[in-house]
């Protein structure tokens, strides 16, 4: 088992000076954040694996900055410490709230049952926007209809984005 943490890539930088990095260890990946004060923020998995995580991350980060770690941040693929190669992700799906996505899936299932699974693709972008706004305004006004207005508005906004994207690519 590899005992190293490999800095794979810097994933983001905020105006406040925080830096986020994707790191690999034991065939897994995690995200760590370096604060402007030089402190590391990381999850419990790294704490359990590396008892003195902050000191260890400092050492590995210095090697990363010096170019002494075998990482290719210009490539669209990366290789983990087991030799497995895969595409680098540009998004952070792990940050999406699972509970919200499951509630969206429930609304989609209900809508598919009522209107057909692909019916939403036959609706104009303006209609999706209008329905999304109606749900948002109903939420703001406290109007109870038995529907989760936030989740329904999110569904309509997802549909709107997809329909707009498809119109642009078809043009």
N, C-alpha and C. Protein backbone atom coordinates (compact mmCIF):
# COMPACT_ATOMS: atom_id res chain seq x y z
N UNK A 1 0.84 -1.18 0.00
CA UNK A 1 0.00 0.00 0.00
C UNK A 1 0.88 1.24 0.00
N UNK A 2 0.58 2.17 -0.88
CA UNK A 2 1.32 3.41 -0.96
C UNK A 2 1.00 4.27 0.25
N UNK A 3 2.02 4.84 0.87
CA UNK A 3 1.79 5.65 2.07
C UNK A 3 1.83 7.14 1.77
N UNK A 4 1.86 7.52 0.51
CA UNK A 4 1.97 8.92 0.15
C UNK A 4 0.62 9.54 -0.20
N UNK A 5 0.56 10.84 -0.01
CA UNK A 5 -0.52 11.65 -0.55
C UNK A 5 0.05 12.36 -1.76
N UNK A 6 -0.57 12.21 -2.90
CA UNK A 6 -0.11 12.88 -4.11
C UNK A 6 -1.01 14.05 -4.41
N UNK A 7 -0.42 15.24 -4.56
CA UNK A 7 -1.19 16.40 -4.99
C UNK A 7 -1.43 16.26 -6.48
N UNK A 8 -2.66 16.03 -6.87
CA UNK A 8 -2.99 15.77 -8.27
C UNK A 8 -3.14 17.08 -9.04
N UNK A 9 -3.92 18.00 -8.46
CA UNK A 9 -4.13 19.27 -9.14
C UNK A 9 -4.74 20.27 -8.18
N UNK A 10 -4.51 21.55 -8.50
CA UNK A 10 -5.21 22.61 -7.76
C UNK A 10 -6.59 22.72 -8.40
N UNK A 11 -7.63 22.61 -7.60
CA UNK A 11 -8.99 22.61 -8.16
C UNK A 11 -9.63 23.98 -8.14
N UNK A 12 -9.24 24.84 -7.21
CA UNK A 12 -9.82 26.17 -7.18
C UNK A 12 -9.01 27.09 -6.27
N UNK A 13 -9.25 28.39 -6.46
CA UNK A 13 -8.62 29.41 -5.63
C UNK A 13 -9.67 30.49 -5.42
N UNK A 14 -9.87 30.90 -4.17
CA UNK A 14 -10.85 31.93 -3.88
C UNK A 14 -10.15 33.25 -3.64
N UNK A 15 -10.88 34.34 -3.84
CA UNK A 15 -10.32 35.67 -3.64
C UNK A 15 -9.76 35.86 -2.23
N UNK A 16 -10.35 35.17 -1.27
CA UNK A 16 -9.91 35.32 0.11
C UNK A 16 -8.55 34.64 0.36
N UNK A 17 -8.02 33.94 -0.64
CA UNK A 17 -6.71 33.32 -0.48
C UNK A 17 -6.73 31.83 -0.18
N UNK A 18 -7.90 31.23 -0.15
CA UNK A 18 -8.00 29.79 0.08
C UNK A 18 -7.63 29.06 -1.20
N UNK A 19 -6.90 27.96 -1.06
CA UNK A 19 -6.52 27.12 -2.20
C UNK A 19 -7.05 25.71 -1.96
N UNK A 20 -7.72 25.14 -2.96
CA UNK A 20 -8.22 23.76 -2.83
C UNK A 20 -7.44 22.87 -3.79
N UNK A 21 -7.14 21.65 -3.31
CA UNK A 21 -6.38 20.70 -4.10
C UNK A 21 -7.05 19.35 -4.07
N UNK A 22 -6.98 18.66 -5.19
CA UNK A 22 -7.39 17.26 -5.24
C UNK A 22 -6.14 16.45 -4.93
N UNK A 23 -6.26 15.54 -3.97
CA UNK A 23 -5.13 14.70 -3.60
C UNK A 23 -5.52 13.24 -3.75
N UNK A 24 -4.55 12.41 -4.00
CA UNK A 24 -4.77 10.97 -4.12
C UNK A 24 -3.98 10.23 -3.05
N UNK A 25 -4.60 9.17 -2.51
CA UNK A 25 -3.93 8.33 -1.52
C UNK A 25 -4.66 7.00 -1.46
N UNK A 26 -3.92 5.93 -1.32
CA UNK A 26 -4.49 4.58 -1.19
C UNK A 26 -5.55 4.28 -2.26
N UNK A 27 -5.35 4.78 -3.48
CA UNK A 27 -6.30 4.52 -4.56
C UNK A 27 -7.57 5.34 -4.47
N UNK A 28 -7.63 6.30 -3.56
CA UNK A 28 -8.79 7.17 -3.41
C UNK A 28 -8.38 8.61 -3.66
N UNK A 29 -9.36 9.48 -3.78
CA UNK A 29 -9.07 10.90 -3.88
C UNK A 29 -9.85 11.65 -2.82
N UNK A 30 -9.35 12.82 -2.48
CA UNK A 30 -10.00 13.70 -1.52
C UNK A 30 -9.66 15.12 -1.91
N UNK A 31 -10.33 16.05 -1.28
CA UNK A 31 -10.03 17.46 -1.50
C UNK A 31 -9.55 18.04 -0.18
N UNK A 32 -8.45 18.77 -0.24
CA UNK A 32 -7.92 19.46 0.93
C UNK A 32 -7.86 20.95 0.59
N UNK A 33 -7.98 21.78 1.61
CA UNK A 33 -7.96 23.22 1.41
C UNK A 33 -6.89 23.83 2.29
N UNK A 34 -6.12 24.74 1.71
CA UNK A 34 -5.10 25.48 2.44
C UNK A 34 -5.64 26.88 2.69
N UNK A 35 -5.74 27.28 3.96
CA UNK A 35 -6.28 28.59 4.30
C UNK A 35 -5.21 29.65 4.14
N UNK A 36 -5.61 30.93 4.09
CA UNK A 36 -4.61 32.00 4.00
C UNK A 36 -3.65 32.00 5.20
N UNK A 37 -4.11 31.46 6.33
CA UNK A 37 -3.26 31.39 7.53
C UNK A 37 -2.31 30.20 7.50
N UNK A 38 -2.36 29.41 6.42
CA UNK A 38 -1.46 28.26 6.31
C UNK A 38 -1.97 27.01 6.99
N UNK A 39 -3.24 26.98 7.36
CA UNK A 39 -3.81 25.79 7.98
C UNK A 39 -4.50 24.93 6.92
N UNK A 40 -4.48 23.62 7.14
CA UNK A 40 -5.10 22.68 6.23
C UNK A 40 -6.49 22.31 6.73
N UNK A 41 -7.44 22.27 5.81
CA UNK A 41 -8.78 21.76 6.10
C UNK A 41 -8.93 20.48 5.31
N UNK A 42 -9.35 19.40 5.99
CA UNK A 42 -9.43 18.09 5.33
C UNK A 42 -10.41 17.22 6.09
N UNK A 43 -10.81 16.13 5.45
CA UNK A 43 -11.80 15.24 6.04
C UNK A 43 -11.19 14.19 6.97
N UNK A 44 -12.07 13.48 7.65
CA UNK A 44 -11.64 12.50 8.65
C UNK A 44 -10.90 11.32 8.04
N UNK A 45 -11.16 11.01 6.76
CA UNK A 45 -10.46 9.88 6.13
C UNK A 45 -8.96 10.11 6.12
N UNK A 46 -8.55 11.32 5.80
CA UNK A 46 -7.12 11.63 5.82
C UNK A 46 -6.57 11.61 7.24
N UNK A 47 -7.35 12.08 8.20
CA UNK A 47 -6.90 12.07 9.60
C UNK A 47 -6.62 10.66 10.07
N UNK A 48 -7.50 9.73 9.72
CA UNK A 48 -7.33 8.34 10.15
C UNK A 48 -6.12 7.70 9.46
N UNK A 49 -5.91 8.04 8.21
CA UNK A 49 -4.83 7.43 7.43
C UNK A 49 -3.48 8.02 7.78
N UNK A 50 -3.44 9.31 8.04
CA UNK A 50 -2.20 10.01 8.33
C UNK A 50 -2.37 10.75 9.66
N UNK A 51 -1.91 10.16 10.78
CA UNK A 51 -2.15 10.74 12.11
C UNK A 51 -1.72 12.19 12.25
N UNK A 52 -0.60 12.57 11.66
CA UNK A 52 -0.14 13.96 11.73
C UNK A 52 -0.39 14.60 10.36
N UNK A 53 -1.67 14.66 9.98
CA UNK A 53 -2.05 15.04 8.62
C UNK A 53 -1.53 16.41 8.22
N UNK A 54 -1.68 17.41 9.07
CA UNK A 54 -1.28 18.77 8.70
C UNK A 54 0.21 18.85 8.38
N UNK A 55 1.04 18.25 9.24
CA UNK A 55 2.49 18.27 8.99
C UNK A 55 2.82 17.53 7.70
N UNK A 56 2.16 16.40 7.51
CA UNK A 56 2.40 15.59 6.32
C UNK A 56 1.99 16.35 5.06
N UNK A 57 0.82 16.99 5.10
CA UNK A 57 0.38 17.77 3.94
C UNK A 57 1.33 18.92 3.64
N UNK A 58 1.85 19.56 4.68
CA UNK A 58 2.85 20.62 4.48
C UNK A 58 4.04 20.10 3.68
N UNK A 59 4.57 18.94 4.09
CA UNK A 59 5.73 18.35 3.41
C UNK A 59 5.41 18.02 1.96
N UNK A 60 4.27 17.35 1.75
CA UNK A 60 3.91 16.95 0.39
C UNK A 60 3.60 18.17 -0.48
N UNK A 61 3.01 19.21 0.09
CA UNK A 61 2.69 20.43 -0.64
C UNK A 61 3.97 21.12 -1.10
N UNK A 62 4.99 21.17 -0.22
CA UNK A 62 6.26 21.78 -0.61
C UNK A 62 6.87 21.02 -1.80
N UNK A 63 6.80 19.69 -1.77
CA UNK A 63 7.31 18.90 -2.89
C UNK A 63 6.50 19.20 -4.16
N UNK A 64 5.21 19.34 -4.01
CA UNK A 64 4.33 19.67 -5.14
C UNK A 64 4.74 21.01 -5.75
N UNK A 65 4.96 22.02 -4.91
CA UNK A 65 5.35 23.34 -5.40
C UNK A 65 6.71 23.32 -6.07
N UNK A 66 7.61 22.50 -5.54
CA UNK A 66 8.95 22.40 -6.10
C UNK A 66 9.00 21.56 -7.38
N UNK A 67 7.89 20.93 -7.71
CA UNK A 67 7.86 20.09 -8.90
C UNK A 67 8.46 18.72 -8.69
N UNK A 68 8.65 18.32 -7.43
CA UNK A 68 9.26 17.04 -7.13
C UNK A 68 8.27 15.89 -7.02
N UNK A 69 6.97 16.18 -7.19
CA UNK A 69 5.97 15.11 -7.22
C UNK A 69 5.62 14.83 -8.67
N UNK A 70 5.38 13.59 -8.98
CA UNK A 70 5.06 13.19 -10.35
C UNK A 70 3.58 13.46 -10.63
N UNK A 71 3.28 14.72 -10.93
CA UNK A 71 1.91 15.09 -11.27
C UNK A 71 1.94 15.87 -12.57
N UNK A 72 1.00 15.59 -13.43
CA UNK A 72 0.91 16.28 -14.71
C UNK A 72 -0.39 17.07 -14.71
N UNK A 73 -0.32 18.33 -14.28
CA UNK A 73 -1.53 19.13 -14.17
C UNK A 73 -1.98 19.66 -15.53
N UNK A 74 -1.17 19.53 -16.57
CA UNK A 74 -1.57 20.01 -17.89
C UNK A 74 -2.35 18.95 -18.65
N UNK A 75 -2.26 17.71 -18.26
CA UNK A 75 -2.91 16.61 -18.95
C UNK A 75 -4.39 16.57 -18.59
N UNK A 76 -5.20 15.95 -19.47
CA UNK A 76 -6.62 15.80 -19.15
C UNK A 76 -6.87 14.45 -18.48
N UNK A 77 -5.80 13.72 -18.15
CA UNK A 77 -5.92 12.47 -17.41
C UNK A 77 -4.93 12.49 -16.25
N UNK A 78 -5.14 11.60 -15.30
CA UNK A 78 -4.20 11.45 -14.21
C UNK A 78 -4.14 9.98 -13.84
N UNK A 79 -3.04 9.60 -13.22
CA UNK A 79 -2.82 8.22 -12.83
C UNK A 79 -2.72 8.16 -11.32
N UNK A 80 -3.51 7.26 -10.71
CA UNK A 80 -3.46 7.14 -9.25
C UNK A 80 -2.25 6.31 -8.83
N UNK A 81 -2.08 6.15 -7.53
CA UNK A 81 -0.89 5.47 -7.04
C UNK A 81 -0.92 3.96 -7.28
N UNK A 82 -2.02 3.42 -7.78
CA UNK A 82 -2.09 2.01 -8.15
C UNK A 82 -1.82 1.82 -9.65
N UNK A 83 -1.65 2.94 -10.36
CA UNK A 83 -1.40 2.87 -11.79
C UNK A 83 -2.65 3.01 -12.64
N UNK A 84 -3.81 3.22 -12.00
CA UNK A 84 -5.07 3.39 -12.74
C UNK A 84 -5.16 4.78 -13.33
N UNK A 85 -5.46 4.86 -14.62
CA UNK A 85 -5.56 6.13 -15.31
C UNK A 85 -7.01 6.45 -15.61
N UNK A 86 -7.37 7.72 -15.42
CA UNK A 86 -8.73 8.14 -15.74
C UNK A 86 -8.73 9.62 -16.08
N UNK A 87 -9.84 10.08 -16.64
CA UNK A 87 -9.97 11.48 -17.00
C UNK A 87 -10.07 12.34 -15.75
N UNK A 88 -9.48 13.53 -15.83
CA UNK A 88 -9.65 14.50 -14.76
C UNK A 88 -11.05 15.07 -14.87
N UNK A 89 -11.67 15.29 -13.75
CA UNK A 89 -13.00 15.90 -13.74
C UNK A 89 -12.86 17.41 -13.61
N UNK A 90 -13.68 18.13 -14.35
CA UNK A 90 -13.65 19.58 -14.23
C UNK A 90 -14.65 20.06 -13.19
N UNK A 91 -15.67 19.26 -12.92
CA UNK A 91 -16.69 19.63 -11.96
C UNK A 91 -16.47 18.92 -10.63
N UNK A 92 -17.29 19.25 -9.66
CA UNK A 92 -17.22 18.66 -8.34
C UNK A 92 -18.59 18.10 -7.97
N UNK A 93 -18.95 16.98 -8.58
CA UNK A 93 -20.24 16.34 -8.30
C UNK A 93 -20.37 15.93 -6.84
N UNK A 94 -19.25 15.72 -6.17
CA UNK A 94 -19.30 15.33 -4.76
C UNK A 94 -19.83 16.45 -3.86
N UNK A 95 -19.90 17.66 -4.39
CA UNK A 95 -20.42 18.79 -3.61
C UNK A 95 -21.93 18.98 -3.76
N UNK A 96 -22.54 18.27 -4.69
CA UNK A 96 -23.99 18.37 -4.85
C UNK A 96 -24.69 17.74 -3.65
N UNK A 97 -25.72 18.39 -3.12
CA UNK A 97 -26.42 17.82 -1.96
C UNK A 97 -27.30 16.65 -2.37
N UNK A 98 -26.95 15.48 -1.90
CA UNK A 98 -27.65 14.24 -2.30
C UNK A 98 -29.13 14.28 -1.94
N UNK A 99 -29.48 14.85 -0.80
CA UNK A 99 -30.89 14.87 -0.40
C UNK A 99 -31.73 15.69 -1.39
N UNK A 100 -31.19 16.80 -1.87
CA UNK A 100 -31.90 17.63 -2.85
C UNK A 100 -32.04 16.88 -4.17
N UNK A 101 -30.96 16.23 -4.60
CA UNK A 101 -31.01 15.49 -5.86
C UNK A 101 -32.02 14.35 -5.79
N UNK A 102 -32.12 13.70 -4.65
CA UNK A 102 -33.10 12.62 -4.51
C UNK A 102 -34.52 13.16 -4.54
N UNK A 103 -34.74 14.35 -3.95
CA UNK A 103 -36.08 14.95 -4.02
C UNK A 103 -36.41 15.38 -5.44
N UNK A 104 -35.42 15.86 -6.18
CA UNK A 104 -35.63 16.19 -7.59
C UNK A 104 -36.01 14.92 -8.35
N UNK A 105 -35.30 13.84 -8.08
CA UNK A 105 -35.60 12.56 -8.75
C UNK A 105 -37.04 12.12 -8.45
N UNK A 106 -37.51 12.33 -7.23
CA UNK A 106 -38.90 11.99 -6.89
C UNK A 106 -39.89 12.82 -7.71
N UNK A 107 -39.62 14.12 -7.85
CA UNK A 107 -40.50 14.98 -8.64
C UNK A 107 -40.47 14.54 -10.10
N UNK A 108 -39.28 14.20 -10.60
CA UNK A 108 -39.17 13.74 -11.99
C UNK A 108 -39.95 12.45 -12.22
N UNK A 109 -39.89 11.54 -11.25
CA UNK A 109 -40.64 10.29 -11.37
C UNK A 109 -42.14 10.56 -11.40
N UNK A 110 -42.59 11.46 -10.54
CA UNK A 110 -44.01 11.81 -10.51
C UNK A 110 -44.44 12.46 -11.82
N UNK A 111 -43.62 13.37 -12.32
CA UNK A 111 -43.92 14.04 -13.59
C UNK A 111 -43.92 13.08 -14.76
N UNK A 112 -42.99 12.14 -14.75
CA UNK A 112 -42.92 11.14 -15.83
C UNK A 112 -44.16 10.27 -15.83
N UNK A 113 -44.64 9.95 -14.64
CA UNK A 113 -45.85 9.13 -14.52
C UNK A 113 -47.08 9.89 -15.02
N UNK A 114 -47.09 11.17 -14.72
CA UNK A 114 -48.26 11.99 -15.07
C UNK A 114 -48.26 12.45 -16.52
N UNK A 115 -47.06 12.85 -17.04
CA UNK A 115 -46.98 13.48 -18.36
C UNK A 115 -46.16 12.69 -19.38
N UNK A 116 -45.43 11.68 -18.95
CA UNK A 116 -44.51 10.95 -19.83
C UNK A 116 -43.08 11.37 -19.55
N UNK A 117 -42.16 10.44 -19.64
CA UNK A 117 -40.77 10.66 -19.23
C UNK A 117 -40.06 11.77 -20.01
N UNK A 118 -40.34 11.90 -21.27
CA UNK A 118 -39.62 12.87 -22.10
C UNK A 118 -40.47 14.10 -22.44
N UNK A 119 -41.63 14.23 -21.85
CA UNK A 119 -42.54 15.32 -22.18
C UNK A 119 -41.91 16.69 -21.97
N UNK A 120 -41.11 16.84 -20.94
CA UNK A 120 -40.52 18.14 -20.63
C UNK A 120 -39.66 18.67 -21.77
N UNK A 121 -39.14 17.79 -22.61
CA UNK A 121 -38.32 18.22 -23.75
C UNK A 121 -39.15 18.88 -24.83
N UNK A 122 -40.47 18.68 -24.78
CA UNK A 122 -41.38 19.25 -25.78
C UNK A 122 -41.93 20.60 -25.35
N UNK A 123 -41.48 21.10 -24.22
CA UNK A 123 -41.98 22.37 -23.68
C UNK A 123 -40.96 23.46 -23.94
N UNK A 124 -41.44 24.63 -24.36
CA UNK A 124 -40.57 25.76 -24.69
C UNK A 124 -39.85 26.27 -23.44
N UNK A 125 -38.69 26.87 -23.68
CA UNK A 125 -37.88 27.42 -22.60
C UNK A 125 -38.66 28.46 -21.80
N UNK A 126 -39.41 29.32 -22.47
CA UNK A 126 -40.17 30.35 -21.77
C UNK A 126 -41.19 29.75 -20.81
N UNK A 127 -41.80 28.64 -21.19
CA UNK A 127 -42.77 27.98 -20.30
C UNK A 127 -42.06 27.37 -19.08
N UNK A 128 -40.89 26.79 -19.28
CA UNK A 128 -40.12 26.27 -18.13
C UNK A 128 -39.76 27.40 -17.18
N UNK A 129 -39.32 28.54 -17.74
CA UNK A 129 -38.97 29.68 -16.92
C UNK A 129 -40.19 30.20 -16.16
N UNK A 130 -41.31 30.31 -16.84
CA UNK A 130 -42.53 30.79 -16.20
C UNK A 130 -42.94 29.89 -15.03
N UNK A 131 -42.91 28.59 -15.24
CA UNK A 131 -43.27 27.65 -14.17
C UNK A 131 -42.27 27.71 -13.01
N UNK A 132 -40.97 27.84 -13.34
CA UNK A 132 -39.96 27.95 -12.29
C UNK A 132 -40.21 29.20 -11.45
N UNK A 133 -40.45 30.32 -12.12
CA UNK A 133 -40.72 31.56 -11.40
C UNK A 133 -41.99 31.48 -10.57
N UNK A 134 -43.02 30.83 -11.11
CA UNK A 134 -44.27 30.67 -10.36
C UNK A 134 -44.03 29.89 -9.07
N UNK A 135 -43.22 28.84 -9.15
CA UNK A 135 -42.89 28.08 -7.94
C UNK A 135 -42.08 28.93 -6.97
N UNK A 136 -41.15 29.71 -7.48
CA UNK A 136 -40.34 30.56 -6.61
C UNK A 136 -41.21 31.61 -5.93
N UNK A 137 -42.09 32.26 -6.70
CA UNK A 137 -42.97 33.28 -6.12
C UNK A 137 -43.95 32.65 -5.14
N UNK A 138 -44.43 31.46 -5.43
CA UNK A 138 -45.33 30.77 -4.50
C UNK A 138 -44.61 30.46 -3.20
N UNK A 139 -43.35 30.06 -3.30
CA UNK A 139 -42.55 29.81 -2.10
C UNK A 139 -42.40 31.09 -1.30
N UNK A 140 -42.03 32.19 -2.01
CA UNK A 140 -41.84 33.46 -1.32
C UNK A 140 -43.12 33.95 -0.64
N UNK A 141 -44.25 33.72 -1.29
CA UNK A 141 -45.53 34.18 -0.76
C UNK A 141 -46.10 33.24 0.30
N UNK A 142 -45.47 32.09 0.48
CA UNK A 142 -45.95 31.13 1.47
C UNK A 142 -47.19 30.38 1.03
N UNK A 143 -47.42 30.31 -0.27
CA UNK A 143 -48.59 29.61 -0.80
C UNK A 143 -48.36 28.11 -0.75
N UNK A 144 -49.23 27.41 -0.05
CA UNK A 144 -49.13 25.95 0.10
C UNK A 144 -50.02 25.28 -0.93
N UNK A 145 -49.42 24.47 -1.78
CA UNK A 145 -50.18 23.73 -2.80
C UNK A 145 -49.97 22.23 -2.68
N UNK A 146 -49.16 21.84 -1.71
CA UNK A 146 -48.83 20.42 -1.57
C UNK A 146 -47.59 20.03 -2.36
N UNK A 147 -47.05 20.97 -3.13
CA UNK A 147 -45.83 20.71 -3.90
C UNK A 147 -44.66 21.40 -3.19
N UNK A 148 -43.50 20.80 -3.27
CA UNK A 148 -42.28 21.44 -2.78
C UNK A 148 -41.84 22.44 -3.84
N UNK A 149 -42.17 23.71 -3.62
CA UNK A 149 -41.94 24.73 -4.64
C UNK A 149 -40.47 24.88 -5.02
N UNK A 150 -39.59 24.77 -4.05
CA UNK A 150 -38.15 24.91 -4.36
C UNK A 150 -37.70 23.77 -5.27
N UNK A 151 -38.07 22.55 -4.94
CA UNK A 151 -37.65 21.40 -5.76
C UNK A 151 -38.28 21.46 -7.14
N UNK A 152 -39.55 21.83 -7.22
CA UNK A 152 -40.21 21.95 -8.53
C UNK A 152 -39.55 23.05 -9.36
N UNK A 153 -39.19 24.17 -8.72
CA UNK A 153 -38.52 25.23 -9.47
C UNK A 153 -37.15 24.76 -9.96
N UNK A 154 -36.43 23.98 -9.13
CA UNK A 154 -35.14 23.45 -9.57
C UNK A 154 -35.30 22.53 -10.78
N UNK A 155 -36.33 21.70 -10.76
CA UNK A 155 -36.59 20.83 -11.92
C UNK A 155 -36.80 21.67 -13.17
N UNK A 156 -37.65 22.68 -13.06
CA UNK A 156 -37.93 23.53 -14.22
C UNK A 156 -36.69 24.27 -14.69
N UNK A 157 -35.84 24.70 -13.75
CA UNK A 157 -34.61 25.37 -14.15
C UNK A 157 -33.64 24.41 -14.83
N UNK A 158 -33.59 23.18 -14.37
CA UNK A 158 -32.78 22.17 -15.07
C UNK A 158 -33.29 21.94 -16.48
N UNK A 159 -34.61 21.83 -16.61
CA UNK A 159 -35.21 21.65 -17.93
C UNK A 159 -34.89 22.86 -18.82
N UNK A 160 -35.06 24.06 -18.26
CA UNK A 160 -34.78 25.29 -18.99
C UNK A 160 -33.35 25.31 -19.51
N UNK A 161 -32.41 24.97 -18.65
CA UNK A 161 -31.01 24.97 -19.06
C UNK A 161 -30.77 23.97 -20.18
N UNK A 162 -31.35 22.78 -20.05
CA UNK A 162 -31.17 21.76 -21.08
C UNK A 162 -31.78 22.20 -22.41
N UNK A 163 -33.00 22.71 -22.36
CA UNK A 163 -33.68 23.15 -23.59
C UNK A 163 -32.89 24.27 -24.25
N UNK A 164 -32.43 25.24 -23.46
CA UNK A 164 -31.61 26.34 -24.01
C UNK A 164 -30.33 25.81 -24.63
N UNK A 165 -29.68 24.89 -23.96
CA UNK A 165 -28.44 24.30 -24.47
C UNK A 165 -28.70 23.58 -25.80
N UNK A 166 -29.78 22.82 -25.85
CA UNK A 166 -30.10 22.07 -27.07
C UNK A 166 -30.43 23.02 -28.21
N UNK A 167 -31.12 24.12 -27.93
CA UNK A 167 -31.43 25.11 -28.97
C UNK A 167 -30.17 25.72 -29.53
N UNK A 168 -29.19 26.00 -28.66
CA UNK A 168 -27.92 26.60 -29.10
C UNK A 168 -27.11 25.63 -29.95
N UNK A 169 -27.11 24.34 -29.57
CA UNK A 169 -26.31 23.37 -30.32
C UNK A 169 -26.99 22.98 -31.63
N UNK A 170 -28.31 23.11 -31.69
CA UNK A 170 -29.05 22.81 -32.93
C UNK A 170 -28.97 23.95 -33.93
N UNK A 171 -28.65 25.15 -33.46
CA UNK A 171 -28.64 26.34 -34.34
C UNK A 171 -27.42 26.37 -35.22
